[in-house]
Structure formats: C-alpha cells, structure tokens
C-alpha cells in the first residue's frame, strides 16, 4: 500500500474526505491549517484503486493552482491491517503502478544530458572492447548499463499517452545515443579492429526468427515489470535484448570495411528496437495505461494507432528480410 498526500486549501477537506469514503479507504488523516489556509490530507490507499483515486483527486482539484498531490511508498505498516478489512475484500487489479508513477520513472530515460552521453560513451567503450577481445563477461557488463533501453520505453509510453513532447525527446535521445555509439565504434573499426573473427562480434551480425521472438518477449517483460512495480526484472531484459552491442558491431564492421556484416548488425538493431516498442505498447494497452481526460485520450488513441501501424509494418518488413536469407 502507498500513501497519497494532498496539500490543498482547507475548503477542499470535506470533498477529499468524501473521495476516501467513496473508495472505502481505510485510513485518512489531516494536519492543522497553516498560515496560507492550506492543510495536508493523507490517505493509505490500496493498489487496486490507486489510479482511480488519483484521477478523481485530479479532477476535483484541476482548478486549484496551489494544490499538490504526492504519492509515496510505505516501508511498513503497524498495526497490521486485519484480513477482514475492506482492503482485503477486493481483488488486486492488474495495474498496480499509477500512470503518474510510471511516467515519472520512464520519463527520466528520455533526458538527453551530459550523464546520458557519458553513459553512452563509457558503455560503448566497454562493449567494443568486449566484442573485439571476445570477452562475454565484459559484453554483459556493458549490457547492464543499457543507456538505449530507457528512451525506447519512453517513446512507447509517450505514444500510449499521446504525449508528443515526450515522444520527441525520446526519439532525439535514441538517435543521438545510437549515432554517438556508432561513430565511436566506426573510428575504432578503422584504427583497432584486429579480431573480426571474435565469436561475440560475429554473433551480432546475424538475426533469425528466434531473435525476433526473443526481442518481443523481452520487450513484453520490460513493460510488464514497470507496470507491476517489479523493476528488478529489467536487468535480465537489458542482457537479453541489449541494443548497444549491435550498434557497436555495426560501427566496428563498417569501419573495417565489412559492409555485409555491418548490415546484419544493423538488422539486429532494427529488430530489437521495433520489437521493444511494439511489445511495450501492447502491454501499456492491455494494462490500461492511458490519459485521464477525454481530449487527451483522443490524442493518445490517434498516436497509438499511428505508431502501432508503423511498428507492425516495420516488423513485417524486417521479417521478410530475415526470411530472404540476409546475413
């Protein structure tokens, strides 16, 4: 369970308490009124109704400029809630992370800043060395950093919510990250690629239908772990469907003049990006991740249909290329 804290004018107190009664929230308490006429109201909210409570509160307080709604975790609750409590009578819904929590967590991956660029540079150096030296442990270490996974998930979430600003930032971050990594590895391929027979390197120059299935399953796991609050699963996803190794492989092979192998690595990268975005969008749809207001839902529906068609057509084209025997 989590606590929703509402900081608003004292005049909203009875209305907010009414929301608590409407959703049978077990615990509600409030502070005294401060000098500005505001007070703090806190609610201990069950996972299955948290999104509905947040939406109701936002609707009620949408005209208030000096209000805040804060959601935070509870480390422990004592005394424990009894099993015959109203919190135990209702089944837990499939979506246990609110839209606001999900946005706050994923949106950070779309930030194009110095930290992101540094992570791309460092992880590119690590993965390139691991690929050339055929060191699987080093390659996995670079995969865990996974700077390119965040903006791809942000792109999928942005299209699910119809947030064009988030989609634009995420797309820019993806392109800059891929471009920077490719350029560094292209330089490395020109100057240092002496072991082009490395198994780790050659493994990223081919993709089959099994790679498509792997990427789709990993993308589903990534989005599912975020929407259910099990973010620890993301570490496995980062290793299973890493985006940086194929970028690095394409750059190294291009720099070394191995254009066919570079094309294979590029195909693997494209498959991973398409599958991650497609599967993430499917999970967000099934989990009910959508905007709150009607007009926002309309915009989100338009962007959802457009991006879903783009990813489906892209996956179909890539599948045809794979079946044609491209290597």
C-alpha atoms as a PDB file:
ATOM      1  CA  UNK A   1       0.000   0.000   0.000  1.00  0.00           C
ATOM      2  CA  UNK A   2       1.054   3.605  -0.585  1.00  0.00           C
ATOM      3  CA  UNK A   3       0.193   6.987   0.838  1.00  0.00           C
ATOM      4  CA  UNK A   4      -1.439   9.717  -1.242  1.00  0.00           C
ATOM      5  CA  UNK A   5      -0.907  13.136   0.304  1.00  0.00           C
ATOM      6  CA  UNK A   6      -2.988  16.075  -0.859  1.00  0.00           C
ATOM      7  CA  UNK A   7      -1.899  19.608   0.034  1.00  0.00           C
ATOM      8  CA  UNK A   8      -4.796  21.953  -0.699  1.00  0.00           C
ATOM      9  CA  UNK A   9      -6.999  24.706   0.689  1.00  0.00           C
ATOM     10  CA  UNK A  10      -8.873  23.747   3.836  1.00  0.00           C
ATOM     11  CA  UNK A  11     -12.140  24.224   1.946  1.00  0.00           C
ATOM     12  CA  UNK A  12     -11.387  21.045  -0.050  1.00  0.00           C
ATOM     13  CA  UNK A  13     -11.120  18.915   3.088  1.00  0.00           C
ATOM     14  CA  UNK A  14     -14.700  17.599   3.161  1.00  0.00           C
ATOM     15  CA  UNK A  15     -14.629  16.869  -0.586  1.00  0.00           C
ATOM     16  CA  UNK A  16     -11.392  14.926  -0.297  1.00  0.00           C
ATOM     17  CA  UNK A  17     -12.744  13.017   2.681  1.00  0.00           C
ATOM     18  CA  UNK A  18     -15.766  12.185   0.530  1.00  0.00           C
ATOM     19  CA  UNK A  19     -13.409  10.647  -2.035  1.00  0.00           C
ATOM     20  CA  UNK A  20     -11.983   8.487   0.729  1.00  0.00           C
ATOM     21  CA  UNK A  21     -15.423   7.328   1.750  1.00  0.00           C
ATOM     22  CA  UNK A  22     -16.374   6.675  -1.871  1.00  0.00           C
ATOM     23  CA  UNK A  23     -13.446   4.286  -2.360  1.00  0.00           C
ATOM     24  CA  UNK A  24     -13.608   2.851   1.194  1.00  0.00           C
ATOM     25  CA  UNK A  25     -10.081   3.968   2.006  1.00  0.00           C
ATOM     26  CA  UNK A  26      -9.227   2.532   5.452  1.00  0.00           C
ATOM     27  CA  UNK A  27      -7.120   5.394   6.798  1.00  0.00           C
ATOM     28  CA  UNK A  28      -7.463   9.146   6.240  1.00  0.00           C
ATOM     29  CA  UNK A  29      -5.938  11.853   8.400  1.00  0.00           C
ATOM     30  CA  UNK A  30      -5.154  15.531   8.028  1.00  0.00           C
ATOM     31  CA  UNK A  31      -2.981  18.232   9.542  1.00  0.00           C
ATOM     32  CA  UNK A  32      -3.930  21.596  11.009  1.00  0.00           C
ATOM     33  CA  UNK A  33      -4.408  24.578   8.730  1.00  0.00           C
ATOM     34  CA  UNK A  34      -1.232  26.581   8.066  1.00  0.00           C
ATOM     35  CA  UNK A  35      -0.849  30.333   7.615  1.00  0.00           C
ATOM     36  CA  UNK A  36      -1.730  30.142   3.909  1.00  0.00           C
ATOM     37  CA  UNK A  37      -5.010  28.387   4.617  1.00  0.00           C
ATOM     38  CA  UNK A  38      -3.843  25.011   3.349  1.00  0.00           C
ATOM     39  CA  UNK A  39      -3.722  21.661   5.083  1.00  0.00           C
ATOM     40  CA  UNK A  40      -2.301  18.224   4.334  1.00  0.00           C
ATOM     41  CA  UNK A  41      -4.636  15.251   3.879  1.00  0.00           C
ATOM     42  CA  UNK A  42      -3.134  11.776   3.724  1.00  0.00           C
ATOM     43  CA  UNK A  43      -4.720   8.533   2.618  1.00  0.00           C
ATOM     44  CA  UNK A  44      -3.496   4.949   2.918  1.00  0.00           C
ATOM     45  CA  UNK A  45      -4.595   3.595  -0.458  1.00  0.00           C
ATOM     46  CA  UNK A  46      -4.922   0.048  -1.765  1.00  0.00           C
ATOM     47  CA  UNK A  47      -3.078  -0.825  -5.016  1.00  0.00           C
ATOM     48  CA  UNK A  48      -6.188  -1.746  -6.994  1.00  0.00           C
ATOM     49  CA  UNK A  49      -7.879   1.644  -6.542  1.00  0.00           C
ATOM     50  CA  UNK A  50      -4.846   3.936  -6.510  1.00  0.00           C
ATOM     51  CA  UNK A  51      -5.204   5.107 -10.115  1.00  0.00           C
ATOM     52  CA  UNK A  52      -8.922   5.801  -9.724  1.00  0.00           C
ATOM     53  CA  UNK A  53      -8.312   7.801  -6.564  1.00  0.00           C
ATOM     54  CA  UNK A  54      -5.555   9.801  -8.257  1.00  0.00           C
ATOM     55  CA  UNK A  55      -7.797  10.543 -11.254  1.00  0.00           C
ATOM     56  CA  UNK A  56     -10.698  11.612  -9.030  1.00  0.00           C
ATOM     57  CA  UNK A  57      -8.495  13.915  -6.967  1.00  0.00           C
ATOM     58  CA  UNK A  58      -7.002  15.492 -10.099  1.00  0.00           C
ATOM     59  CA  UNK A  59     -10.483  16.132 -11.473  1.00  0.00           C
ATOM     60  CA  UNK A  60     -11.608  17.761  -8.237  1.00  0.00           C
ATOM     61  CA  UNK A  61      -8.511  19.906  -7.827  1.00  0.00           C
ATOM     62  CA  UNK A  62      -7.891  20.732 -11.503  1.00  0.00           C
ATOM     63  CA  UNK A  63      -8.950  24.360 -10.958  1.00  0.00           C
ATOM     64  CA  UNK A  64      -6.701  24.917  -7.922  1.00  0.00           C
ATOM     65  CA  UNK A  65      -3.267  26.338  -8.701  1.00  0.00           C
ATOM     66  CA  UNK A  66      -1.808  25.998  -5.200  1.00  0.00           C
ATOM     67  CA  UNK A  67      -2.549  22.310  -4.596  1.00  0.00           C
ATOM     68  CA  UNK A  68      -0.191  19.342  -4.730  1.00  0.00           C
ATOM     69  CA  UNK A  69      -0.803  15.596  -4.890  1.00  0.00           C
ATOM     70  CA  UNK A  70       2.123  13.497  -3.692  1.00  0.00           C
ATOM     71  CA  UNK A  71       2.375   9.705  -3.877  1.00  0.00           C
ATOM     72  CA  UNK A  72       4.998   7.822  -1.880  1.00  0.00           C
ATOM     73  CA  UNK A  73       5.829   4.349  -0.621  1.00  0.00           C
ATOM     74  CA  UNK A  74       5.277   2.963   2.841  1.00  0.00           C
ATOM     75  CA  UNK A  75       8.131   0.855   4.196  1.00  0.00           C
ATOM     76  CA  UNK A  76       5.947  -0.817   6.820  1.00  0.00           C
ATOM     77  CA  UNK A  77       2.529  -0.524   8.461  1.00  0.00           C
ATOM     78  CA  UNK A  78       1.818  -1.199  12.135  1.00  0.00           C
ATOM     79  CA  UNK A  79      -0.527  -2.397  13.450  1.00  0.00           C
ATOM     80  CA  UNK A  80      -1.103  -4.679  10.502  1.00  0.00           C
ATOM     81  CA  UNK A  81      -4.402  -4.307   8.682  1.00  0.00           C
ATOM     82  CA  UNK A  82      -6.787  -7.096   9.594  1.00  0.00           C
ATOM     83  CA  UNK A  83      -7.700  -9.660   6.981  1.00  0.00           C
ATOM     84  CA  UNK A  84     -11.350  -8.780   7.314  1.00  0.00           C
ATOM     85  CA  UNK A  85     -10.539  -5.187   6.380  1.00  0.00           C
ATOM     86  CA  UNK A  86     -12.119  -3.687   3.274  1.00  0.00           C
ATOM     87  CA  UNK A  87      -8.620  -3.650   1.794  1.00  0.00           C
ATOM     88  CA  UNK A  88      -8.652  -7.441   1.745  1.00  0.00           C
ATOM     89  CA  UNK A  89     -12.107  -7.913   0.248  1.00  0.00           C
ATOM     90  CA  UNK A  90     -11.344  -6.591  -3.198  1.00  0.00           C
ATOM     91  CA  UNK A  91      -9.036  -8.418  -5.607  1.00  0.00           C
ATOM     92  CA  UNK A  92      -5.889  -6.608  -6.588  1.00  0.00           C
ATOM     93  CA  UNK A  93      -6.217  -5.182 -10.079  1.00  0.00           C
ATOM     94  CA  UNK A  94      -3.772  -5.968 -12.885  1.00  0.00           C
ATOM     95  CA  UNK A  95      -2.343  -2.449 -12.945  1.00  0.00           C
ATOM     96  CA  UNK A  96      -0.645  -1.700  -9.624  1.00  0.00           C
ATOM     97  CA  UNK A  97       1.517   1.256 -10.674  1.00  0.00           C
ATOM     98  CA  UNK A  98      -0.247   4.523 -11.370  1.00  0.00           C
ATOM     99  CA  UNK A  99       0.144   6.453 -14.590  1.00  0.00           C
ATOM    100  CA  UNK A 100       1.946   9.187 -12.678  1.00  0.00           C
ATOM    101  CA  UNK A 101       4.450   6.764 -11.134  1.00  0.00           C
ATOM    102  CA  UNK A 102       5.080   5.111 -14.478  1.00  0.00           C
ATOM    103  CA  UNK A 103       5.603   8.452 -16.200  1.00  0.00           C
ATOM    104  CA  UNK A 104       7.975   9.680 -13.508  1.00  0.00           C
ATOM    105  CA  UNK A 105      10.053   6.503 -13.736  1.00  0.00           C
ATOM    106  CA  UNK A 106      10.208   6.149 -17.528  1.00  0.00           C
ATOM    107  CA  UNK A 107      10.395   9.840 -18.468  1.00  0.00           C
ATOM    108  CA  UNK A 108      13.847  10.079 -16.907  1.00  0.00           C
ATOM    109  CA  UNK A 109      15.177   7.788 -19.640  1.00  0.00           C
ATOM    110  CA  UNK A 110      14.357  10.395 -22.294  1.00  0.00           C
ATOM    111  CA  UNK A 111      16.655  13.055 -20.858  1.00  0.00           C
ATOM    112  CA  UNK A 112      19.394  14.000 -23.310  1.00  0.00           C
ATOM    113  CA  UNK A 113      22.016  15.366 -20.943  1.00  0.00           C
ATOM    114  CA  UNK A 114      25.672  15.007 -20.045  1.00  0.00           C
ATOM    115  CA  UNK A 115      25.077  11.956 -17.865  1.00  0.00           C
ATOM    116  CA  UNK A 116      23.317  10.111 -20.685  1.00  0.00           C
ATOM    117  CA  UNK A 117      26.042  10.961 -23.212  1.00  0.00           C
ATOM    118  CA  UNK A 118      28.748   9.890 -20.763  1.00  0.00           C
ATOM    119  CA  UNK A 119      26.960   6.578 -20.135  1.00  0.00           C
ATOM    120  CA  UNK A 120      26.718   6.001 -23.891  1.00  0.00           C
ATOM    121  CA  UNK A 121      30.424   6.733 -24.365  1.00  0.00           C
ATOM    122  CA  UNK A 122      31.556   4.564 -21.452  1.00  0.00           C
ATOM    123  CA  UNK A 123      29.267   1.645 -22.265  1.00  0.00           C
ATOM    124  CA  UNK A 124      30.310   1.847 -25.927  1.00  0.00           C
ATOM    125  CA  UNK A 125      33.983   1.630 -24.961  1.00  0.00           C
ATOM    126  CA  UNK A 126      33.295  -1.310 -22.651  1.00  0.00           C
ATOM    127  CA  UNK A 127      31.165  -3.245 -25.129  1.00  0.00           C
ATOM    128  CA  UNK A 128      33.539  -2.584 -28.035  1.00  0.00           C
ATOM    129  CA  UNK A 129      36.496  -3.963 -26.084  1.00  0.00           C
ATOM    130  CA  UNK A 130      34.434  -6.958 -25.004  1.00  0.00           C
ATOM    131  CA  UNK A 131      33.356  -7.671 -28.577  1.00  0.00           C
ATOM    132  CA  UNK A 132      36.802  -7.349 -30.114  1.00  0.00           C
ATOM    133  CA  UNK A 133      38.519  -9.308 -27.324  1.00  0.00           C
ATOM    134  CA  UNK A 134      35.743 -11.956 -27.365  1.00  0.00           C
ATOM    135  CA  UNK A 135      35.105 -11.441 -23.646  1.00  0.00           C
ATOM    136  CA  UNK A 136      31.490 -12.313 -22.848  1.00  0.00           C
ATOM    137  CA  UNK A 137      31.721 -11.053 -19.251  1.00  0.00           C
ATOM    138  CA  UNK A 138      32.756  -7.582 -20.413  1.00  0.00           C
ATOM    139  CA  UNK A 139      29.974  -7.534 -23.018  1.00  0.00           C
ATOM    140  CA  UNK A 140      27.364  -8.441 -20.397  1.00  0.00           C
ATOM    141  CA  UNK A 141      28.724  -5.724 -18.133  1.00  0.00           C
ATOM    142  CA  UNK A 142      28.119  -3.165 -20.868  1.00  0.00           C
ATOM    143  CA  UNK A 143      24.633  -4.571 -21.496  1.00  0.00           C
ATOM    144  CA  UNK A 144      23.578  -3.932 -17.904  1.00  0.00           C
ATOM    145  CA  UNK A 145      24.340  -0.215 -18.298  1.00  0.00           C
ATOM    146  CA  UNK A 146      21.805  -0.201 -21.171  1.00  0.00           C
ATOM    147  CA  UNK A 147      21.525   3.555 -21.863  1.00  0.00           C
ATOM    148  CA  UNK A 148      19.416   2.987 -25.008  1.00  0.00           C
ATOM    149  CA  UNK A 149      16.610   0.989 -23.364  1.00  0.00           C
ATOM    150  CA  UNK A 150      15.229   3.918 -21.352  1.00  0.00           C
ATOM    151  CA  UNK A 151      14.431   6.262 -24.259  1.00  0.00           C
ATOM    152  CA  UNK A 152      12.799   3.436 -26.220  1.00  0.00           C
ATOM    153  CA  UNK A 153      10.439   2.714 -23.333  1.00  0.00           C
ATOM    154  CA  UNK A 154       9.817   6.460 -23.029  1.00  0.00           C
ATOM    155  CA  UNK A 155       8.906   6.576 -26.725  1.00  0.00           C
ATOM    156  CA  UNK A 156       6.379   3.757 -26.254  1.00  0.00           C
ATOM    157  CA  UNK A 157       4.869   5.414 -23.177  1.00  0.00           C
ATOM    158  CA  UNK A 158       4.697   8.790 -24.891  1.00  0.00           C
ATOM    159  CA  UNK A 159       2.695   7.345 -27.777  1.00  0.00           C
ATOM    160  CA  UNK A 160       0.415   5.479 -25.338  1.00  0.00           C
ATOM    161  CA  UNK A 161      -0.362   8.756 -23.541  1.00  0.00           C
ATOM    162  CA  UNK A 162      -0.399  10.938 -26.637  1.00  0.00           C
ATOM    163  CA  UNK A 163       2.455  12.991 -25.160  1.00  0.00           C
ATOM    164  CA  UNK A 164       4.143  14.450 -28.236  1.00  0.00           C
ATOM    165  CA  UNK A 165       6.740  16.305 -26.201  1.00  0.00           C
ATOM    166  CA  UNK A 166       7.880  13.081 -24.531  1.00  0.00           C
ATOM    167  CA  UNK A 167       7.910  11.228 -27.860  1.00  0.00           C
ATOM    168  CA  UNK A 168      10.039  13.948 -29.468  1.00  0.00           C
ATOM    169  CA  UNK A 169      12.543  13.991 -26.603  1.00  0.00           C
ATOM    170  CA  UNK A 170      12.739  10.204 -26.517  1.00  0.00           C
ATOM    171  CA  UNK A 171      13.274   9.938 -30.271  1.00  0.00           C
ATOM    172  CA  UNK A 172      16.017  12.586 -30.192  1.00  0.00           C
ATOM    173  CA  UNK A 173      17.704  10.791 -27.300  1.00  0.00           C
ATOM    174  CA  UNK A 174      17.585   7.463 -29.151  1.00  0.00           C
ATOM    175  CA  UNK A 175      19.038   8.918 -32.354  1.00  0.00           C
ATOM    176  CA  UNK A 176      21.814  10.804 -30.563  1.00  0.00           C
ATOM    177  CA  UNK A 177      22.740   7.744 -28.491  1.00  0.00           C
ATOM    178  CA  UNK A 178      22.836   5.409 -31.491  1.00  0.00           C
ATOM    179  CA  UNK A 179      24.685   7.957 -33.624  1.00  0.00           C
ATOM    180  CA  UNK A 180      27.322   8.635 -30.968  1.00  0.00           C
ATOM    181  CA  UNK A 181      27.920   4.936 -30.273  1.00  0.00           C
ATOM    182  CA  UNK A 182      28.105   4.097 -33.989  1.00  0.00           C
ATOM    183  CA  UNK A 183      30.568   6.929 -34.675  1.00  0.00           C
ATOM    184  CA  UNK A 184      32.891   5.896 -31.837  1.00  0.00           C
ATOM    185  CA  UNK A 185      32.890   2.269 -32.974  1.00  0.00           C
ATOM    186  CA  UNK A 186      33.369   3.285 -36.601  1.00  0.00           C
ATOM    187  CA  UNK A 187      36.548   5.089 -35.565  1.00  0.00           C
ATOM    188  CA  UNK A 188      37.538   2.028 -33.553  1.00  0.00           C
ATOM    189  CA  UNK A 189      36.919  -0.228 -36.553  1.00  0.00           C
ATOM    190  CA  UNK A 190      39.220   1.909 -38.675  1.00  0.00           C
ATOM    191  CA  UNK A 191      42.058   2.056 -36.152  1.00  0.00           C
ATOM    192  CA  UNK A 192      41.961  -1.055 -33.982  1.00  0.00           C
ATOM    193  CA  UNK A 193      39.620  -3.824 -35.184  1.00  0.00           C
ATOM    194  CA  UNK A 194      42.182  -6.633 -35.392  1.00  0.00           C
ATOM    195  CA  UNK A 195      39.979  -9.541 -34.285  1.00  0.00           C
ATOM    196  CA  UNK A 196      36.969  -9.547 -36.578  1.00  0.00           C
ATOM    197  CA  UNK A 197      36.605 -13.310 -36.073  1.00  0.00           C
ATOM    198  CA  UNK A 198      35.535 -12.840 -32.454  1.00  0.00           C
ATOM    199  CA  UNK A 199      32.540 -15.033 -31.626  1.00  0.00           C
ATOM    200  CA  UNK A 200      30.903 -12.231 -29.648  1.00  0.00           C
ATOM    201  CA  UNK A 201      31.324  -9.885 -32.584  1.00  0.00           C
ATOM    202  CA  UNK A 202      30.054 -12.300 -35.239  1.00  0.00           C
ATOM    203  CA  UNK A 203      27.076 -13.298 -33.054  1.00  0.00           C
ATOM    204  CA  UNK A 204      25.695  -9.767 -33.535  1.00  0.00           C
ATOM    205  CA  UNK A 205      25.935  -9.855 -37.330  1.00  0.00           C
ATOM    206  CA  UNK A 206      23.037 -12.259 -37.862  1.00  0.00           C
ATOM    207  CA  UNK A 207      19.428 -12.362 -36.709  1.00  0.00           C
ATOM    208  CA  UNK A 208      16.835 -15.072 -37.230  1.00  0.00           C
ATOM    209  CA  UNK A 209      13.182 -15.503 -36.349  1.00  0.00           C
ATOM    210  CA  UNK A 210      14.282 -16.696 -32.920  1.00  0.00           C
ATOM    211  CA  UNK A 211      15.841 -13.269 -32.412  1.00  0.00           C
ATOM    212  CA  UNK A 212      12.517 -11.611 -33.245  1.00  0.00           C
ATOM    213  CA  UNK A 213      10.691 -13.807 -30.716  1.00  0.00           C
ATOM    214  CA  UNK A 214      13.365 -13.084 -28.089  1.00  0.00           C
ATOM    215  CA  UNK A 215      13.103  -9.326 -28.636  1.00  0.00           C
ATOM    216  CA  UNK A 216       9.296  -9.386 -28.434  1.00  0.00           C
ATOM    217  CA  UNK A 217       9.310 -11.471 -25.246  1.00  0.00           C
ATOM    218  CA  UNK A 218      11.953  -9.255 -23.650  1.00  0.00           C
ATOM    219  CA  UNK A 219      10.051  -6.097 -24.542  1.00  0.00           C
ATOM    220  CA  UNK A 220       6.891  -7.553 -23.003  1.00  0.00           C
ATOM    221  CA  UNK A 221       8.825  -8.434 -19.850  1.00  0.00           C
ATOM    222  CA  UNK A 222      10.306  -4.930 -19.624  1.00  0.00           C
ATOM    223  CA  UNK A 223       6.957  -3.145 -19.887  1.00  0.00           C
ATOM    224  CA  UNK A 224       5.245  -5.660 -17.617  1.00  0.00           C
ATOM    225  CA  UNK A 225       7.904  -5.260 -14.943  1.00  0.00           C
ATOM    226  CA  UNK A 226       7.437  -1.487 -14.974  1.00  0.00           C
ATOM    227  CA  UNK A 227       3.642  -1.539 -14.846  1.00  0.00           C
ATOM    228  CA  UNK A 228       3.610  -4.004 -11.946  1.00  0.00           C
ATOM    229  CA  UNK A 229       6.429  -2.420  -9.961  1.00  0.00           C
ATOM    230  CA  UNK A 230       8.873  -5.317 -10.449  1.00  0.00           C
ATOM    231  CA  UNK A 231      11.646  -3.212 -11.946  1.00  0.00           C
ATOM    232  CA  UNK A 232      14.340  -5.724 -10.940  1.00  0.00           C
ATOM    233  CA  UNK A 233      13.272  -7.805 -13.960  1.00  0.00           C
ATOM    234  CA  UNK A 234      14.703  -5.059 -16.177  1.00  0.00           C
ATOM    235  CA  UNK A 235      18.261  -6.259 -15.528  1.00  0.00           C
ATOM    236  CA  UNK A 236      17.504  -9.530 -17.285  1.00  0.00           C
ATOM    237  CA  UNK A 237      15.821  -7.684 -20.148  1.00  0.00           C
ATOM    238  CA  UNK A 238      18.861  -5.438 -20.593  1.00  0.00           C
ATOM    239  CA  UNK A 239      21.049  -8.514 -21.081  1.00  0.00           C
ATOM    240  CA  UNK A 240      18.553 -10.462 -23.209  1.00  0.00           C
ATOM    241  CA  UNK A 241      17.798  -7.773 -25.778  1.00  0.00           C
ATOM    242  CA  UNK A 242      20.628  -5.270 -25.444  1.00  0.00           C
ATOM    243  CA  UNK A 243      20.695  -2.524 -28.063  1.00  0.00           C
ATOM    244  CA  UNK A 244      24.252  -1.317 -27.692  1.00  0.00           C
ATOM    245  CA  UNK A 245      26.177  -4.443 -28.856  1.00  0.00           C
ATOM    246  CA  UNK A 246      24.600  -4.467 -32.351  1.00  0.00           C
ATOM    247  CA  UNK A 247      25.223  -0.717 -32.694  1.00  0.00           C
ATOM    248  CA  UNK A 248      28.859  -1.234 -31.725  1.00  0.00           C
ATOM    249  CA  UNK A 249      29.182  -4.231 -34.040  1.00  0.00           C
ATOM    250  CA  UNK A 250      27.742  -2.280 -36.969  1.00  0.00           C
ATOM    251  CA  UNK A 251      30.180   0.566 -36.361  1.00  0.00           C
ATOM    252  CA  UNK A 252      33.206  -1.691 -35.997  1.00  0.00           C
ATOM    253  CA  UNK A 253      32.355  -3.713 -39.107  1.00  0.00           C
ATOM    254  CA  UNK A 254      31.618  -0.587 -41.116  1.00  0.00           C
ATOM    255  CA  UNK A 255      34.935   0.933 -40.077  1.00  0.00           C
ATOM    256  CA  UNK A 256      36.733  -2.288 -41.005  1.00  0.00           C
ATOM    257  CA  UNK A 257      35.098  -2.366 -44.427  1.00  0.00           C
ATOM    258  CA  UNK A 258      32.914  -5.415 -43.699  1.00  0.00           C
ATOM    259  CA  UNK A 259      29.710  -3.906 -45.049  1.00  0.00           C
ATOM    260  CA  UNK A 260      27.682  -7.141 -45.240  1.00  0.00           C
ATOM    261  CA  UNK A 261      28.382  -7.926 -41.595  1.00  0.00           C
ATOM    262  CA  UNK A 262      27.644  -4.333 -40.651  1.00  0.00           C
ATOM    263  CA  UNK A 263      24.280  -4.672 -42.402  1.00  0.00           C
ATOM    264  CA  UNK A 264      23.492  -7.797 -40.403  1.00  0.00           C
ATOM    265  CA  UNK A 265      24.243  -5.997 -37.155  1.00  0.00           C
ATOM    266  CA  UNK A 266      22.082  -3.095 -38.281  1.00  0.00           C
ATOM    267  CA  UNK A 267      19.239  -5.516 -38.994  1.00  0.00           C
ATOM    268  CA  UNK A 268      19.550  -6.971 -35.487  1.00  0.00           C
ATOM    269  CA  UNK A 269      19.436  -3.463 -34.012  1.00  0.00           C
ATOM    270  CA  UNK A 270      16.332  -2.586 -36.038  1.00  0.00           C
ATOM    271  CA  UNK A 271      14.572  -5.793 -34.952  1.00  0.00           C
ATOM    272  CA  UNK A 272      15.323  -5.113 -31.292  1.00  0.00           C
ATOM    273  CA  UNK A 273      14.116  -1.500 -31.434  1.00  0.00           C
ATOM    274  CA  UNK A 274      10.892  -2.378 -33.276  1.00  0.00           C
ATOM    275  CA  UNK A 275      10.096  -5.328 -31.013  1.00  0.00           C
ATOM    276  CA  UNK A 276      10.760  -3.427 -27.791  1.00  0.00           C
ATOM    277  CA  UNK A 277       8.485  -0.563 -28.823  1.00  0.00           C
ATOM    278  CA  UNK A 278       5.763  -2.824 -30.233  1.00  0.00           C
ATOM    279  CA  UNK A 279       5.614  -5.143 -27.238  1.00  0.00           C
ATOM    280  CA  UNK A 280       5.778  -2.246 -24.752  1.00  0.00           C
ATOM    281  CA  UNK A 281       2.813  -0.588 -26.481  1.00  0.00           C
ATOM    282  CA  UNK A 282       0.830  -3.822 -26.300  1.00  0.00           C
ATOM    283  CA  UNK A 283       1.466  -4.109 -22.561  1.00  0.00           C
ATOM    284  CA  UNK A 284       0.552  -0.461 -21.931  1.00  0.00           C
ATOM    285  CA  UNK A 285      -2.699  -1.009 -23.845  1.00  0.00           C
ATOM    286  CA  UNK A 286      -3.620  -4.198 -22.003  1.00  0.00           C
ATOM    287  CA  UNK A 287      -2.710  -2.665 -18.650  1.00  0.00           C
ATOM    288  CA  UNK A 288      -4.930   0.339 -19.251  1.00  0.00           C
ATOM    289  CA  UNK A 289      -2.171   2.940 -19.341  1.00  0.00           C
ATOM    290  CA  UNK A 290      -4.000   5.899 -20.853  1.00  0.00           C
ATOM    291  CA  UNK A 291      -4.507   9.620 -20.231  1.00  0.00           C
ATOM    292  CA  UNK A 292      -7.091  10.939 -17.770  1.00  0.00           C
ATOM    293  CA  UNK A 293      -9.132  13.455 -19.751  1.00  0.00           C
ATOM    294  CA  UNK A 294     -11.262  12.824 -22.850  1.00  0.00           C
ATOM    295  CA  UNK A 295      -9.311  15.095 -25.184  1.00  0.00           C
ATOM    296  CA  UNK A 296      -6.023  13.542 -24.059  1.00  0.00           C
ATOM    297  CA  UNK A 297      -7.479  10.074 -24.665  1.00  0.00           C
ATOM    298  CA  UNK A 298      -8.491  11.104 -28.177  1.00  0.00           C
ATOM    299  CA  UNK A 299      -4.961  12.325 -28.973  1.00  0.00           C
ATOM    300  CA  UNK A 300      -3.469   9.200 -27.416  1.00  0.00           C
ATOM    301  CA  UNK A 301      -5.741   6.978 -29.499  1.00  0.00           C
ATOM    302  CA  UNK A 302      -4.579   8.673 -32.685  1.00  0.00           C
ATOM    303  CA  UNK A 303      -0.888   8.370 -31.814  1.00  0.00           C
ATOM    304  CA  UNK A 304      -1.399   4.798 -30.624  1.00  0.00           C
ATOM    305  CA  UNK A 305      -2.942   3.694 -33.929  1.00  0.00           C
ATOM    306  CA  UNK A 306      -0.286   5.516 -35.955  1.00  0.00           C
ATOM    307  CA  UNK A 307       2.705   4.165 -34.042  1.00  0.00           C
ATOM    308  CA  UNK A 308       1.237   0.659 -33.820  1.00  0.00           C
ATOM    309  CA  UNK A 309       0.888   0.591 -37.608  1.00  0.00           C
ATOM    310  CA  UNK A 310       4.445   1.917 -38.004  1.00  0.00           C
ATOM    311  CA  UNK A 311       5.909  -0.769 -35.758  1.00  0.00           C
ATOM    312  CA  UNK A 312       3.802  -3.582 -37.250  1.00  0.00           C
ATOM    313  CA  UNK A 313       4.731  -2.643 -40.811  1.00  0.00           C
ATOM    314  CA  UNK A 314       8.383  -2.295 -39.789  1.00  0.00           C
ATOM    315  CA  UNK A 315       8.358  -5.718 -38.141  1.00  0.00           C
ATOM    316  CA  UNK A 316       6.728  -7.251 -41.232  1.00  0.00           C
ATOM    317  CA  UNK A 317       9.397  -5.747 -43.496  1.00  0.00           C
ATOM    318  CA  UNK A 318      12.203  -6.921 -41.212  1.00  0.00           C
ATOM    319  CA  UNK A 319      10.699 -10.420 -41.057  1.00  0.00           C
ATOM    320  CA  UNK A 320      10.601 -10.587 -44.851  1.00  0.00           C
ATOM    321  CA  UNK A 321      14.250  -9.513 -44.994  1.00  0.00           C
ATOM    322  CA  UNK A 322      15.174 -12.183 -42.443  1.00  0.00           C
ATOM    323  CA  UNK A 323      13.295 -14.887 -44.360  1.00  0.00           C
ATOM    324  CA  UNK A 324      15.011 -13.809 -47.572  1.00  0.00           C
ATOM    325  CA  UNK A 325      18.267 -15.063 -46.076  1.00  0.00           C
ATOM    326  CA  UNK A 326      20.006 -11.721 -45.428  1.00  0.00           C
ATOM    327  CA  UNK A 327      23.173 -12.149 -43.401  1.00  0.00           C
END
